[in-house]
Amino acid sequence: MKAAPEAQKRLLELAELDAVLDRLAHRRRTLPELAEIDERSAKLARLATEVIAAETEAGDLAREQTKAESDVDAVRVRAERDQKRLDSGQVSSAKDLSNLQSEIVSLQRRQGDLEDVVLEIMERREAADAEVARLSAERTEIGAGLSTLEEKRDVSLAALDKESEDAKGKRGGITADIPADLLALYEKLRGQYGVGAAMLHGGRCQGCKVSLSIADLNRIRAAAHDEVLRCEECRRILVRTPESGL
């Protein structure tokens, strides 16, 4: 392949711009905010699940407390009714009187047991409500931090995108000066090796950093100025300049 020396030198400018674009793309992929956002998003999702579980438990305890309090009220009402019967003197039979007194004692004992159950449920419900409040507050805090990180990410991405667009604009101006077949070879090599062209500087390929042999240098010296050369080591396009050491 042949191409004017000026067109070949433009490949070095193109390679430099492509290196800039690669660095920008790497920075875009590895923004610190991205990892933090992923971490916070995962934590927020876990918290959402934990909040639902805590709210479910608190709701179950609320219903359990309501039922237990209803049981206490039912026993209390029955005990009060029996006490009124006892106090009214309506029960004359000694046996009935004894049975009624025993029932009142039993109901009072049952009421006490149920009130203990209510207290125990209330304590558990209080702890569950506190856990809901704690998890909800943590979720709010994590969510606020996530929003801040997303804003920082968007600002950073916008700046990187602006740099990329500027570099792509310059790249378009350079590629317009490079013959299509040379540009196609450059793009193919860039896809294979990451860098499509490198300068020959002081007898060394700047792509693979290998010093060329005397035989290779003699071959390059003998080549026509418009001959497109390749490094024997890394196979990149080797661009000759006044600094090539030829």
Protein backbone atom coordinates (compact mmCIF):
# COMPACT_ATOMS: atom_id res chain seq x y z
CA MET A 1 0.00 0.00 0.00
CA LYS A 2 1.18 3.51 -0.80
CA ALA A 3 0.16 6.84 0.72
CA ALA A 4 1.69 10.30 0.81
CA PRO A 5 4.06 10.82 3.77
CA GLU A 6 1.86 13.69 4.95
CA ALA A 7 -1.17 11.40 5.06
CA GLN A 8 0.81 8.80 7.00
CA LYS A 9 1.90 11.40 9.55
CA ARG A 10 -1.73 12.34 10.03
CA LEU A 11 -2.18 8.80 11.36
CA LEU A 12 -0.06 9.78 14.36
CA GLU A 13 -2.44 12.66 15.13
CA LEU A 14 -5.33 10.27 14.68
CA ALA A 15 -3.76 7.71 17.02
CA GLU A 16 -3.19 10.41 19.64
CA LEU A 17 -6.83 11.51 19.42
CA ASP A 18 -8.00 7.90 19.60
CA ALA A 19 -5.91 7.44 22.74
CA VAL A 20 -7.64 10.48 24.20
CA LEU A 21 -11.04 9.03 23.29
CA ASP A 22 -10.10 5.68 24.83
CA ARG A 23 -9.04 7.40 28.05
CA LEU A 24 -12.27 9.37 28.14
CA ALA A 25 -14.29 6.19 27.56
CA HIS A 26 -12.37 4.47 30.37
CA ARG A 27 -13.00 7.39 32.71
CA ARG A 28 -16.67 7.29 31.76
CA ARG A 29 -16.89 3.58 32.62
CA THR A 30 -14.96 3.91 35.87
CA LEU A 31 -16.38 7.06 37.41
CA PRO A 32 -16.19 6.65 41.22
CA GLU A 33 -19.81 7.74 41.43
CA LEU A 34 -20.93 4.74 39.36
CA ALA A 35 -19.67 2.19 41.89
CA GLU A 36 -21.12 4.21 44.77
CA ILE A 37 -24.45 4.51 42.97
CA ASP A 38 -24.56 0.74 42.39
CA GLU A 39 -23.73 0.12 46.05
CA ARG A 40 -26.33 2.58 47.32
CA SER A 41 -28.97 1.34 44.87
CA ALA A 42 -28.45 -2.23 46.07
CA LYS A 43 -28.63 -1.09 49.69
CA LEU A 44 -31.77 0.92 48.94
CA ALA A 45 -33.38 -2.16 47.39
CA ARG A 46 -32.49 -4.24 50.46
CA LEU A 47 -33.86 -1.54 52.75
CA ALA A 48 -37.12 -1.42 50.80
CA THR A 49 -37.55 -5.15 51.39
CA GLU A 50 -36.63 -4.79 55.06
CA VAL A 51 -39.07 -1.90 55.52
CA ILE A 52 -41.90 -3.95 54.03
CA ALA A 53 -41.04 -6.88 56.32
CA ALA A 54 -40.88 -4.60 59.37
CA GLU A 55 -44.16 -2.88 58.45
CA THR A 56 -45.81 -6.27 57.97
CA GLU A 57 -44.63 -7.41 61.40
CA ALA A 58 -45.80 -4.15 63.00
CA GLY A 59 -49.19 -4.52 61.31
CA ASP A 60 -49.55 -8.11 62.46
CA LEU A 61 -48.73 -7.07 66.03
CA ALA A 62 -51.23 -4.21 65.85
CA ARG A 63 -53.97 -6.65 64.87
CA GLU A 64 -52.80 -9.10 67.53
CA GLN A 65 -52.93 -6.32 70.13
CA THR A 66 -56.42 -5.30 69.07
CA LYS A 67 -57.64 -8.89 69.44
CA ALA A 68 -55.95 -9.30 72.83
CA GLU A 69 -57.46 -6.04 74.09
CA SER A 70 -60.86 -7.20 72.83
CA ASP A 71 -60.43 -10.43 74.80
CA VAL A 72 -59.56 -8.42 77.92
CA ASP A 73 -62.65 -6.26 77.46
CA ALA A 74 -64.87 -9.31 77.04
CA VAL A 75 -63.55 -10.89 80.23
CA ARG A 76 -63.81 -7.60 82.11
CA VAL A 77 -67.42 -7.10 81.02
CA ARG A 78 -68.33 -10.61 82.08
CA ALA A 79 -66.58 -10.18 85.45
CA GLU A 80 -68.33 -6.85 86.07
CA ARG A 81 -71.68 -8.41 85.21
CA ASP A 82 -71.09 -11.27 87.64
CA GLN A 83 -69.93 -8.84 90.31
CA LYS A 84 -73.13 -6.85 89.94
CA ARG A 85 -75.17 -10.04 90.33
CA LEU A 86 -73.22 -10.86 93.43
CA ASP A 87 -73.57 -7.37 94.87
CA SER A 88 -77.30 -7.22 94.06
CA GLY A 89 -78.08 -10.14 96.33
CA GLN A 90 -79.98 -11.87 93.53
CA VAL A 91 -78.16 -15.12 94.20
CA SER A 92 -79.59 -16.78 97.30
CA SER A 93 -78.39 -20.34 96.95
CA ALA A 94 -75.16 -20.98 98.80
CA LYS A 95 -73.96 -23.26 96.01
CA ASP A 96 -74.79 -20.71 93.29
CA LEU A 97 -73.16 -18.00 95.38
CA SER A 98 -69.99 -20.06 95.74
CA ASN A 99 -69.95 -20.84 92.03
CA LEU A 100 -70.40 -17.18 91.18
CA GLN A 101 -67.60 -16.10 93.48
CA SER A 102 -65.32 -18.75 92.00
CA GLU A 103 -66.18 -17.62 88.51
CA ILE A 104 -65.42 -14.01 89.40
CA VAL A 105 -62.03 -15.01 90.80
CA SER A 106 -61.33 -17.09 87.69
CA LEU A 107 -62.34 -14.23 85.40
CA GLN A 108 -60.15 -11.78 87.31
CA ARG A 109 -57.23 -14.17 87.00
CA ARG A 110 -57.97 -14.63 83.30
CA GLN A 111 -58.17 -10.85 82.86
CA GLY A 112 -54.79 -10.43 84.51
CA ASP A 113 -53.24 -13.05 82.24
CA LEU A 114 -54.73 -11.40 79.17
CA GLU A 115 -53.52 -7.97 80.28
CA ASP A 116 -50.00 -9.42 80.59
CA VAL A 117 -50.35 -10.71 77.04
CA VAL A 118 -51.43 -7.23 75.89
CA LEU A 119 -48.42 -5.65 77.59
CA GLU A 120 -46.06 -8.17 75.98
CA ILE A 121 -47.58 -7.52 72.54
CA MET A 122 -47.38 -3.77 73.10
CA GLU A 123 -43.66 -4.04 73.88
CA ARG A 124 -43.06 -6.12 70.75
CA ARG A 125 -45.13 -3.69 68.69
CA GLU A 126 -43.19 -0.73 70.08
CA ALA A 127 -39.94 -2.41 69.06
CA ALA A 128 -41.37 -3.21 65.62
CA ASP A 129 -42.56 0.38 65.13
CA ALA A 130 -39.13 1.64 66.18
CA GLU A 131 -37.51 -0.69 63.64
CA VAL A 132 -39.85 0.61 60.91
CA ALA A 133 -38.91 4.17 61.83
CA ARG A 134 -35.18 3.35 61.86
CA LEU A 135 -35.25 1.56 58.52
CA SER A 136 -37.42 4.28 56.94
CA ALA A 137 -35.04 7.00 58.14
CA GLU A 138 -32.06 5.05 56.79
CA ARG A 139 -33.85 4.55 53.49
CA THR A 140 -34.54 8.29 53.27
CA GLU A 141 -30.90 9.08 54.04
CA ILE A 142 -29.59 6.57 51.50
CA GLY A 143 -32.04 7.87 48.90
CA ALA A 144 -30.94 11.47 49.44
CA GLY A 145 -27.29 10.45 49.14
CA LEU A 146 -28.11 8.50 45.97
CA SER A 147 -29.74 11.56 44.43
CA THR A 148 -26.65 13.64 45.20
CA LEU A 149 -24.38 11.01 43.66
CA GLU A 150 -26.56 10.82 40.55
CA GLU A 151 -26.31 14.57 40.14
CA LYS A 152 -22.51 14.41 40.46
CA ARG A 153 -22.43 11.54 37.97
CA ASP A 154 -24.52 13.48 35.46
CA VAL A 155 -22.24 16.52 35.75
CA SER A 156 -19.12 14.36 35.28
CA LEU A 157 -20.64 12.48 32.35
CA ALA A 158 -21.68 15.71 30.67
CA ALA A 159 -18.13 17.05 30.96
CA LEU A 160 -16.65 13.82 29.59
CA ASP A 161 -19.19 13.74 26.76
CA LYS A 162 -18.24 17.33 25.85
CA GLU A 163 -14.56 16.38 25.71
CA SER A 164 -15.41 13.32 23.62
CA GLU A 165 -17.49 15.32 21.18
CA ASP A 166 -14.68 17.85 20.79
CA ALA A 167 -12.16 15.07 20.17
CA LYS A 168 -14.49 13.36 17.68
CA GLY A 169 -14.89 16.65 15.83
CA LYS A 170 -11.12 16.98 15.50
CA ARG A 171 -10.92 13.33 14.49
CA GLY A 172 -13.33 13.92 11.64
CA GLY A 173 -11.12 16.70 10.32
CA ILE A 174 -8.09 14.41 10.40
CA THR A 175 -9.73 11.37 8.78
CA ALA A 176 -10.84 13.57 5.89
CA ASP A 177 -7.15 13.99 4.98
CA ILE A 178 -6.37 10.26 5.04
CA PRO A 179 -6.97 8.02 2.00
CA ALA A 180 -9.80 5.54 2.49
CA ASP A 181 -7.65 2.42 2.07
CA LEU A 182 -5.06 3.67 4.58
CA LEU A 183 -7.77 4.67 7.03
CA ALA A 184 -9.44 1.27 6.68
CA LEU A 185 -6.13 -0.48 7.44
CA TYR A 186 -5.57 1.79 10.44
CA GLU A 187 -9.07 1.07 11.81
CA LYS A 188 -8.59 -2.67 11.31
CA LEU A 189 -5.28 -2.64 13.19
CA ARG A 190 -6.69 -0.43 15.89
CA GLY A 191 -9.46 -2.94 16.43
CA GLN A 192 -6.91 -5.75 16.69
CA TYR A 193 -4.17 -4.10 18.73
CA GLY A 194 -5.78 -1.05 20.34
CA VAL A 195 -3.41 1.27 18.50
CA GLY A 196 -3.34 1.35 14.71
CA ALA A 197 -0.22 3.38 13.99
CA ALA A 198 2.98 4.27 15.78
CA MET A 199 5.96 6.51 15.16
CA LEU A 200 9.40 5.17 14.36
CA HIS A 201 11.54 7.21 16.74
CA GLY A 202 15.27 6.78 17.11
CA GLY A 203 15.12 3.35 15.50
CA ARG A 204 12.44 2.15 17.93
CA CYS A 205 8.74 1.47 17.29
CA GLN A 206 6.76 3.58 19.74
CA GLY A 207 3.90 1.10 19.59
CA CYS A 208 5.68 -1.95 21.01
CA LYS A 209 8.82 -0.11 22.26
CA VAL A 210 11.05 -2.58 20.41
CA SER A 211 14.26 -1.38 18.77
CA LEU A 212 14.40 -2.44 15.15
CA SER A 213 17.26 -4.56 13.88
CA ILE A 214 19.82 -3.15 11.50
CA ALA A 215 18.32 -5.26 8.72
CA ASP A 216 14.85 -3.83 9.36
CA LEU A 217 16.20 -0.28 9.48
CA ASN A 218 18.06 -0.82 6.21
CA ARG A 219 14.86 -2.16 4.67
CA ILE A 220 12.98 0.93 5.84
CA ARG A 221 15.71 3.24 4.50
CA ALA A 222 15.43 1.60 1.14
CA ALA A 223 11.63 1.84 1.02
CA ALA A 224 9.94 4.57 -1.01
CA HIS A 225 8.75 7.58 0.97
CA ASP A 226 5.13 6.78 0.14
CA GLU A 227 5.38 3.10 1.06
CA VAL A 228 3.15 2.20 4.03
CA LEU A 229 5.35 0.19 6.38
CA ARG A 230 4.45 -2.19 9.22
CA CYS A 231 6.37 -3.00 12.39
CA GLU A 232 7.59 -6.57 12.19
CA GLU A 233 6.99 -7.03 15.92
CA CYS A 234 3.57 -5.48 16.63
CA ARG A 235 2.27 -5.21 13.02
CA ARG A 236 1.13 -1.63 13.51
CA ILE A 237 1.59 0.93 10.75
CA LEU A 238 5.06 2.37 11.24
CA VAL A 239 5.20 6.08 10.43
CA ARG A 240 8.50 7.66 9.53
CA THR A 241 9.38 11.18 10.72
CA PRO A 242 12.57 13.24 10.87
CA GLU A 243 13.07 11.79 14.36
CA SER A 244 13.05 8.18 13.11
CA GLY A 245 16.84 7.87 13.20
CA LEU A 246 17.17 6.91 9.59
